[in-house]
Amino acid sequence: MLLTVDVGNSHTVSGVYRGDQLLAHWRLKSDRDRTADELAIRYHSLFQMAGISGGRITGFILSSVVPTLETAWLNYADKYLRGRLQGRPLSVSHRADTGIIVKIKNPAEVGADRIVNSVAAYEMYHDNLIVIDFGTAITFDCVTDRREYIGGTIHPGIGISLDALASRTAKLPRVDIDTGPETIIGKTTVTAIHSGILYGFGGLVDRMVDILGRELAPDQKQVKTVATGGMAHLIEPFTRTIDAIDPLLTLEGLRLIHARNLSA
């Protein structure tokens, strides 16, 4: 079995695969002070609750945008999975063999999750792609039909925007966005914020897909759009340009990269 871990700034998403079947997955808060031993205690409990024997895990792969947690996870794999792994623990970076060619000025700047998402999305379509990740930041990543990652754009995420409204204004409340407004014109402060966030970010998606698509495929070739991240399902009804949503896209990309390196 394979343990896949994607460490983001806000949350860590992890899952266990048997072959290409995802047996269980979890979404936990990313605690930058977590140690390898604490990870072992937490995941031992999660494995037990899912009916998974930790002793049967023979593969480990990680993508992380938090250096301290990357170190903790690699220490966890070295200490608690030692002797069972087929090959070394893998941590994805621009230097890893992913099957995607990173063609930007400084490949080291690209977040590992952006490369991993591109791998999984390309496997879905084998076409020109825009991959949107609704995380702490919202990223748009462009991949050509020749497997080339050529860059993208980065925007403040929905949570960041809501936090800024609440903390930088005197009278606007902190709200949760869980349902859409009945009308676009907000009749209360809360529904006005709901409408502004949902229709505003939906418009952002459509505009960015439009202009990125024209630059990615100037000869008017087809461009597919794949979205992932916790807010993808919430924003999708307010857009017209998202072709597919896969909330576990990053885990699937990690599985594909691990299989590629294991067979190499």
Protein backbone atom coordinates (compact mmCIF):
# COMPACT_ATOMS: atom_id res chain seq x y z
CA MET A 1 0.00 0.00 0.00
CA LEU A 2 1.04 3.58 -0.66
CA LEU A 3 0.76 6.53 1.74
CA THR A 4 0.37 9.83 -0.15
CA VAL A 5 0.64 13.16 1.68
CA ASP A 6 -0.01 16.68 0.39
CA VAL A 7 0.99 19.36 2.91
CA GLY A 8 -0.58 22.74 2.25
CA ASN A 9 -0.35 26.00 4.17
CA SER A 10 -3.75 25.47 5.83
CA HIS A 11 -4.51 21.75 5.53
CA THR A 12 -2.77 18.44 4.97
CA VAL A 13 -4.60 15.96 2.74
CA SER A 14 -3.40 12.37 2.85
CA GLY A 15 -4.57 9.02 1.59
CA VAL A 16 -3.71 5.34 1.36
CA TYR A 17 -3.83 3.50 -1.97
CA ARG A 18 -3.87 -0.19 -2.77
CA GLY A 19 -2.82 -0.22 -6.40
CA ASP A 20 -4.92 2.50 -8.03
CA GLN A 21 -7.72 2.21 -5.44
CA LEU A 22 -7.93 4.91 -2.78
CA LEU A 23 -8.82 3.09 0.43
CA ALA A 24 -9.12 6.08 2.77
CA HIS A 25 -8.25 9.75 2.86
CA TRP A 26 -8.11 12.48 5.50
CA ARG A 27 -8.01 16.28 5.64
CA LEU A 28 -6.32 17.73 8.73
CA LYS A 29 -5.06 21.13 9.78
CA SER A 30 -1.39 21.74 8.95
CA ASP A 31 0.38 22.29 12.27
CA ARG A 32 3.87 23.62 11.57
CA ASP A 33 5.13 22.45 14.97
CA ARG A 34 4.13 18.82 14.48
CA THR A 35 6.98 16.33 15.00
CA ALA A 36 7.57 12.95 13.38
CA ASP A 37 6.52 11.18 16.57
CA GLU A 38 3.30 13.19 16.78
CA LEU A 39 2.53 12.34 13.17
CA ALA A 40 3.04 8.67 13.98
CA ILE A 41 0.59 8.80 16.90
CA ARG A 42 -2.06 10.60 14.87
CA TYR A 43 -1.79 8.42 11.79
CA HIS A 44 -1.67 5.20 13.77
CA SER A 45 -5.12 6.13 15.06
CA LEU A 46 -6.38 7.12 11.61
CA PHE A 47 -5.16 3.85 10.10
CA GLN A 48 -6.91 1.88 12.85
CA MET A 49 -10.20 3.72 12.36
CA ALA A 50 -10.03 3.01 8.62
CA GLY A 51 -9.16 -0.66 9.14
CA ILE A 52 -5.75 -0.22 7.53
CA SER A 53 -2.66 -1.97 8.83
CA GLY A 54 0.21 0.50 8.94
CA GLY A 55 2.59 -2.43 8.67
CA ARG A 56 1.42 -3.05 5.10
CA ILE A 57 2.45 0.38 3.83
CA THR A 58 5.33 -0.16 1.43
CA GLY A 59 5.39 3.19 -0.36
CA PHE A 60 5.52 6.83 0.70
CA ILE A 61 5.37 10.05 -1.32
CA LEU A 62 5.01 13.64 -0.18
CA SER A 63 4.39 17.06 -1.66
CA SER A 64 4.78 20.01 0.68
CA VAL A 65 4.84 23.80 0.59
CA VAL A 66 5.75 23.95 4.32
CA PRO A 67 9.48 23.16 4.80
CA THR A 68 9.25 22.32 8.52
CA LEU A 69 6.46 19.81 7.91
CA GLU A 70 8.28 18.34 4.92
CA THR A 71 11.18 17.55 7.27
CA ALA A 72 8.84 16.09 9.90
CA TRP A 73 7.10 13.85 7.37
CA LEU A 74 10.36 12.57 5.89
CA ASN A 75 11.59 11.84 9.43
CA TYR A 76 8.32 9.98 10.07
CA ALA A 77 8.81 7.84 6.97
CA ASP A 78 12.43 7.15 7.85
CA LYS A 79 11.68 6.24 11.46
CA TYR A 80 8.33 4.44 11.26
CA LEU A 81 8.26 2.97 7.75
CA ARG A 82 11.92 1.98 7.58
CA GLY A 83 12.54 -1.52 6.22
CA ARG A 84 9.11 -1.86 4.64
CA LEU A 85 9.37 0.71 1.86
CA GLN A 86 10.03 -0.40 -1.70
CA GLY A 87 12.52 2.32 -2.54
CA ARG A 88 13.23 5.54 -0.68
CA PRO A 89 10.58 7.99 0.57
CA LEU A 90 9.83 10.45 -2.23
CA SER A 91 9.40 14.21 -1.82
CA VAL A 92 8.26 15.94 -4.99
CA SER A 93 10.20 18.93 -6.27
CA HIS A 94 11.10 20.39 -9.67
CA ARG A 95 13.98 17.90 -9.76
CA ALA A 96 11.76 14.82 -9.40
CA ASP A 97 10.90 12.56 -12.32
CA THR A 98 7.24 13.47 -12.75
CA GLY A 99 6.76 13.14 -16.50
CA ILE A 100 6.01 16.88 -16.69
CA ILE A 101 8.60 19.22 -18.20
CA VAL A 102 8.85 22.39 -16.10
CA LYS A 103 9.55 25.24 -18.53
CA ILE A 104 9.75 28.42 -16.47
CA LYS A 105 12.63 30.76 -15.58
CA ASN A 106 13.24 29.32 -12.11
CA PRO A 107 11.76 25.82 -11.72
CA ALA A 108 12.66 25.78 -8.01
CA GLU A 109 9.97 28.42 -7.39
CA VAL A 110 7.12 26.12 -8.44
CA GLY A 111 5.17 24.65 -5.54
CA ALA A 112 5.29 20.86 -5.48
CA ASP A 113 1.49 20.68 -5.36
CA ARG A 114 1.23 22.61 -8.63
CA ILE A 115 3.46 20.09 -10.41
CA VAL A 116 1.58 17.16 -8.89
CA ASN A 117 -1.82 18.58 -9.90
CA SER A 118 -0.54 19.05 -13.43
CA VAL A 119 0.54 15.40 -13.60
CA ALA A 120 -2.90 14.15 -12.54
CA ALA A 121 -4.83 16.52 -14.79
CA TYR A 122 -2.67 15.66 -17.81
CA GLU A 123 -3.33 11.97 -17.20
CA MET A 124 -7.08 12.74 -17.38
CA TYR A 125 -7.04 14.57 -20.72
CA HIS A 126 -3.62 14.50 -22.48
CA ASP A 127 -4.48 17.96 -23.77
CA ASN A 128 -3.85 21.66 -23.21
CA LEU A 129 -4.85 22.27 -19.60
CA ILE A 130 -5.61 24.92 -17.04
CA VAL A 131 -5.55 23.49 -13.50
CA ILE A 132 -7.21 25.59 -10.79
CA ASP A 133 -6.50 24.88 -7.13
CA PHE A 134 -8.76 26.59 -4.60
CA GLY A 135 -6.44 26.52 -1.61
CA THR A 136 -5.10 29.17 0.76
CA ALA A 137 -4.15 30.87 -2.49
CA ILE A 138 -5.96 30.21 -5.75
CA THR A 139 -3.54 29.04 -8.43
CA PHE A 140 -4.07 28.68 -12.17
CA ASP A 141 -1.50 26.40 -13.81
CA CYS A 142 -1.03 25.98 -17.56
CA VAL A 143 0.12 22.72 -19.15
CA THR A 144 0.55 22.20 -22.89
CA ASP A 145 -0.50 19.13 -24.82
CA ARG A 146 3.25 18.34 -24.99
CA ARG A 147 3.43 17.77 -21.19
CA GLU A 148 5.06 21.16 -20.58
CA TYR A 149 4.29 23.12 -17.43
CA ILE A 150 4.69 26.73 -18.55
CA GLY A 151 3.55 28.70 -15.48
CA GLY A 152 0.35 30.33 -14.33
CA THR A 153 -1.09 32.90 -11.95
CA ILE A 154 -1.57 33.20 -8.17
CA HIS A 155 -4.45 34.98 -6.45
CA PRO A 156 -5.55 35.52 -2.82
CA GLY A 157 -7.79 32.65 -1.75
CA ILE A 158 -11.38 32.83 -0.62
CA GLY A 159 -10.50 32.34 3.06
CA ILE A 160 -7.86 35.07 2.89
CA SER A 161 -10.35 37.45 1.30
CA LEU A 162 -12.99 36.76 3.95
CA ASP A 163 -10.43 37.20 6.74
CA ALA A 164 -9.30 40.51 5.24
CA LEU A 165 -12.87 41.82 5.07
CA ALA A 166 -13.46 40.99 8.73
CA SER A 167 -10.11 42.19 10.07
CA ARG A 168 -9.62 45.33 7.98
CA THR A 169 -13.11 46.81 8.22
CA ALA A 170 -14.92 48.10 11.28
CA LYS A 171 -18.43 46.81 10.66
CA LEU A 172 -18.25 43.84 8.28
CA PRO A 173 -18.71 40.48 10.07
CA ARG A 174 -16.73 37.28 9.64
CA VAL A 175 -18.98 34.90 7.69
CA ASP A 176 -18.91 31.33 6.43
CA ILE A 177 -19.64 30.79 2.75
CA ASP A 178 -21.61 27.57 2.58
CA THR A 179 -24.61 28.44 0.39
CA GLY A 180 -25.27 30.77 -2.49
CA PRO A 181 -27.39 33.93 -2.17
CA GLU A 182 -30.99 33.92 -3.40
CA THR A 183 -30.34 37.08 -5.41
CA ILE A 184 -27.18 38.63 -6.81
CA ILE A 185 -28.06 41.95 -5.21
CA GLY A 186 -27.49 41.34 -1.51
CA LYS A 187 -30.35 42.40 0.75
CA THR A 188 -28.26 42.15 3.93
CA THR A 189 -24.58 42.60 4.73
CA VAL A 190 -24.08 38.84 4.96
CA THR A 191 -25.83 38.07 1.65
CA ALA A 192 -23.92 40.93 0.02
CA ILE A 193 -20.65 39.30 1.10
CA HIS A 194 -21.89 35.89 -0.08
CA SER A 195 -22.78 37.32 -3.48
CA GLY A 196 -19.54 39.26 -3.77
CA ILE A 197 -17.41 36.23 -2.96
CA LEU A 198 -19.24 33.62 -5.03
CA TYR A 199 -20.05 35.66 -8.13
CA GLY A 200 -16.79 37.59 -7.83
CA PHE A 201 -14.57 34.53 -7.68
CA GLY A 202 -16.70 32.80 -10.30
CA GLY A 203 -16.07 35.77 -12.58
CA LEU A 204 -12.37 35.63 -11.74
CA VAL A 205 -12.26 31.99 -12.83
CA ASP A 206 -14.01 32.66 -16.14
CA ARG A 207 -11.87 35.70 -16.94
CA MET A 208 -8.57 33.96 -16.14
CA VAL A 209 -9.51 30.80 -18.05
CA ASP A 210 -10.42 33.00 -21.03
CA ILE A 211 -7.18 34.99 -21.19
CA LEU A 212 -4.88 32.14 -20.12
CA GLY A 213 -6.50 29.85 -22.67
CA ARG A 214 -5.87 32.33 -25.48
CA GLU A 215 -2.19 32.54 -24.56
CA LEU A 216 -1.82 28.82 -23.88
CA ALA A 217 -3.41 27.81 -27.20
CA PRO A 218 -3.27 30.82 -29.56
CA ASP A 219 -4.17 28.60 -32.51
CA GLN A 220 -7.58 28.09 -30.84
CA LYS A 221 -6.91 24.51 -29.87
CA GLN A 222 -9.13 23.08 -27.16
CA VAL A 223 -8.19 23.86 -23.55
CA LYS A 224 -9.55 21.72 -20.72
CA THR A 225 -10.05 23.14 -17.23
CA VAL A 226 -9.74 20.99 -14.09
CA ALA A 227 -10.42 22.33 -10.59
CA THR A 228 -9.45 21.00 -7.19
CA GLY A 229 -9.30 22.19 -3.59
CA GLY A 230 -11.85 22.53 -0.82
CA MET A 231 -13.78 25.43 -2.38
CA ALA A 232 -13.99 24.08 -5.93
CA HIS A 233 -17.50 22.64 -5.58
CA LEU A 234 -18.72 25.87 -4.00
CA ILE A 235 -17.46 28.13 -6.80
CA GLU A 236 -18.20 25.83 -9.76
CA PRO A 237 -21.95 26.73 -10.04
CA PHE A 238 -20.95 30.39 -10.47
CA THR A 239 -18.61 29.74 -13.41
CA ARG A 240 -19.05 28.53 -16.98
CA THR A 241 -15.51 27.31 -17.70
CA ILE A 242 -14.73 24.42 -15.32
CA ASP A 243 -14.85 21.09 -17.15
CA ALA A 244 -14.13 18.77 -14.21
CA ILE A 245 -13.68 18.87 -10.45
CA ASP A 246 -11.50 16.41 -8.55
CA PRO A 247 -11.03 17.28 -4.86
CA LEU A 248 -8.39 14.56 -4.55
CA LEU A 249 -6.45 15.50 -7.70
CA THR A 250 -3.19 15.99 -5.78
CA LEU A 251 -3.32 12.54 -4.16
CA GLU A 252 -3.87 10.95 -7.57
CA GLY A 253 -0.93 12.89 -8.98
CA LEU A 254 1.25 11.65 -6.12
CA ARG A 255 0.19 8.07 -6.84
CA LEU A 256 1.10 8.46 -10.52
CA ILE A 257 4.50 9.97 -9.74
CA HIS A 258 5.28 7.24 -7.21
CA ALA A 259 4.38 4.52 -9.73
CA ARG A 260 6.55 6.20 -12.35
CA ASN A 261 9.57 6.31 -10.04
CA LEU A 262 9.02 2.82 -8.64
CA SER A 263 9.11 1.32 -12.12
CA ALA A 264 12.13 3.36 -13.23
